[in-house]
Amino acid sequence: MQNTIPSKQPFIINQYIQELKDVNPKDRIIAAGDLLSQYKYADKIYTTRLHCYLPSKAMGLNVEFITADGKDCYRTKDLIDKDLDKEELKNKFYEKINK
């Protein structure tokens, strides 16, 4: 029998796993991959964590970033509000480093 996360049922994934602090880097990467694979089954993801939002967005998932206090955050605003494509991001990066 295949394990799947039921559709339309909310579930909470804890991003912080204390035990991973003492695990070697290879096993941490495996754990991160396992975590990302859980995201793909969600109909919608709400997160306060950039390390959840950015990979989910990159995978084309339906994700929404929310701040803990519900206000805009100057640290994340450009990452969240702009819908830039890869080529545009690359060009902006090269503009900054070539100045």
Protein backbone atom coordinates (compact mmCIF):
# COMPACT_ATOMS: atom_id res chain seq x y z
CA MET A 1 0.00 0.00 0.00
CA GLN A 2 1.38 3.40 -0.99
CA ASN A 3 1.58 6.18 1.60
CA THR A 4 0.09 9.40 0.33
CA ILE A 5 -0.97 12.56 2.07
CA PRO A 6 -4.76 12.96 1.79
CA SER A 7 -5.91 15.70 -0.54
CA LYS A 8 -7.68 18.73 0.95
CA GLN A 9 -6.62 17.78 4.47
CA PRO A 10 -4.38 20.32 6.21
CA PHE A 11 -1.18 19.11 7.74
CA ILE A 12 1.67 20.85 9.51
CA ILE A 13 5.29 20.09 8.81
CA ASN A 14 7.85 21.14 11.38
CA GLN A 15 10.80 22.75 9.63
CA TYR A 16 13.12 22.46 12.58
CA ILE A 17 14.34 19.03 13.62
CA GLN A 18 16.63 19.19 16.64
CA GLU A 19 18.20 15.80 15.93
CA LEU A 20 19.62 17.03 12.61
CA LYS A 21 22.07 19.31 14.42
CA ASP A 22 24.29 16.32 15.14
CA VAL A 23 23.90 14.58 11.77
CA ASN A 24 26.52 14.57 9.02
CA PRO A 25 25.96 16.85 5.98
CA LYS A 26 25.08 13.99 3.62
CA ASP A 27 22.24 12.81 5.88
CA ARG A 28 21.06 16.41 6.32
CA ILE A 29 20.75 16.74 2.55
CA ILE A 30 18.77 13.50 2.41
CA ALA A 31 16.47 14.82 5.17
CA ALA A 32 15.99 18.08 3.24
CA GLY A 33 15.06 16.12 0.12
CA ASP A 34 12.55 14.11 2.12
CA LEU A 35 11.04 17.32 3.45
CA LEU A 36 10.76 18.83 -0.03
CA SER A 37 9.12 15.68 -1.33
CA GLN A 38 6.35 16.15 1.26
CA TYR A 39 5.59 19.63 -0.07
CA LYS A 40 4.70 18.38 -3.55
CA TYR A 41 1.56 16.65 -2.24
CA ALA A 42 0.06 19.84 -0.80
CA ASP A 43 -2.72 21.66 -2.65
CA LYS A 44 -1.51 24.92 -1.09
CA ILE A 45 1.40 25.77 1.18
CA TYR A 46 1.37 28.62 3.68
CA THR A 47 4.72 29.32 5.27
CA THR A 48 6.62 31.87 7.32
CA ARG A 49 9.95 30.33 6.29
CA LEU A 50 11.94 31.38 3.23
CA HIS A 51 13.67 28.00 3.20
CA CYS A 52 10.23 26.48 2.56
CA TYR A 53 8.89 29.22 0.28
CA LEU A 54 11.79 29.53 -2.16
CA PRO A 55 12.24 25.83 -3.01
CA SER A 56 8.45 25.36 -3.20
CA LYS A 57 8.18 28.29 -5.60
CA ALA A 58 11.08 26.90 -7.63
CA MET A 59 9.26 23.57 -7.89
CA GLY A 60 6.18 25.38 -9.22
CA LEU A 61 4.03 24.63 -6.17
CA ASN A 62 1.14 26.76 -4.97
CA VAL A 63 2.87 28.52 -2.06
CA GLU A 64 2.14 31.69 -0.15
CA PHE A 65 4.57 33.44 2.17
CA ILE A 66 3.06 34.95 5.28
CA THR A 67 4.79 36.89 8.00
CA ALA A 68 4.29 35.98 11.64
CA ASP A 69 2.74 39.38 12.39
CA GLY A 70 0.90 39.76 9.08
CA LYS A 71 2.93 42.81 8.03
CA ASP A 72 5.35 43.23 5.13
CA CYS A 73 8.94 42.47 6.01
CA TYR A 74 11.65 44.59 4.41
CA ARG A 75 14.02 41.58 4.45
CA THR A 76 11.78 39.35 2.35
CA LYS A 77 9.63 41.75 0.34
CA ASP A 78 11.64 41.63 -2.90
CA LEU A 79 11.93 37.85 -2.77
CA ILE A 80 8.22 37.38 -2.24
CA ASP A 81 6.47 40.14 -4.20
CA LYS A 82 8.41 40.02 -7.44
CA ASP A 83 7.66 37.31 -9.95
CA LEU A 84 10.99 37.42 -11.76
CA ASP A 85 12.10 34.81 -14.23
CA LYS A 86 15.55 33.21 -14.12
CA GLU A 87 16.94 35.26 -17.00
CA GLU A 88 15.83 38.53 -15.40
CA LEU A 89 17.37 37.49 -12.07
CA LYS A 90 20.63 36.57 -13.78
CA ASN A 91 20.76 39.91 -15.60
CA LYS A 92 20.12 41.87 -12.40
CA PHE A 93 22.83 39.89 -10.63
CA TYR A 94 25.38 40.62 -13.36
CA GLU A 95 24.42 44.30 -13.37
CA LYS A 96 25.22 44.52 -9.65
CA ILE A 97 28.54 42.69 -9.75
CA ASN A 98 29.80 44.45 -12.88
CA LYS A 99 29.43 47.96 -11.45
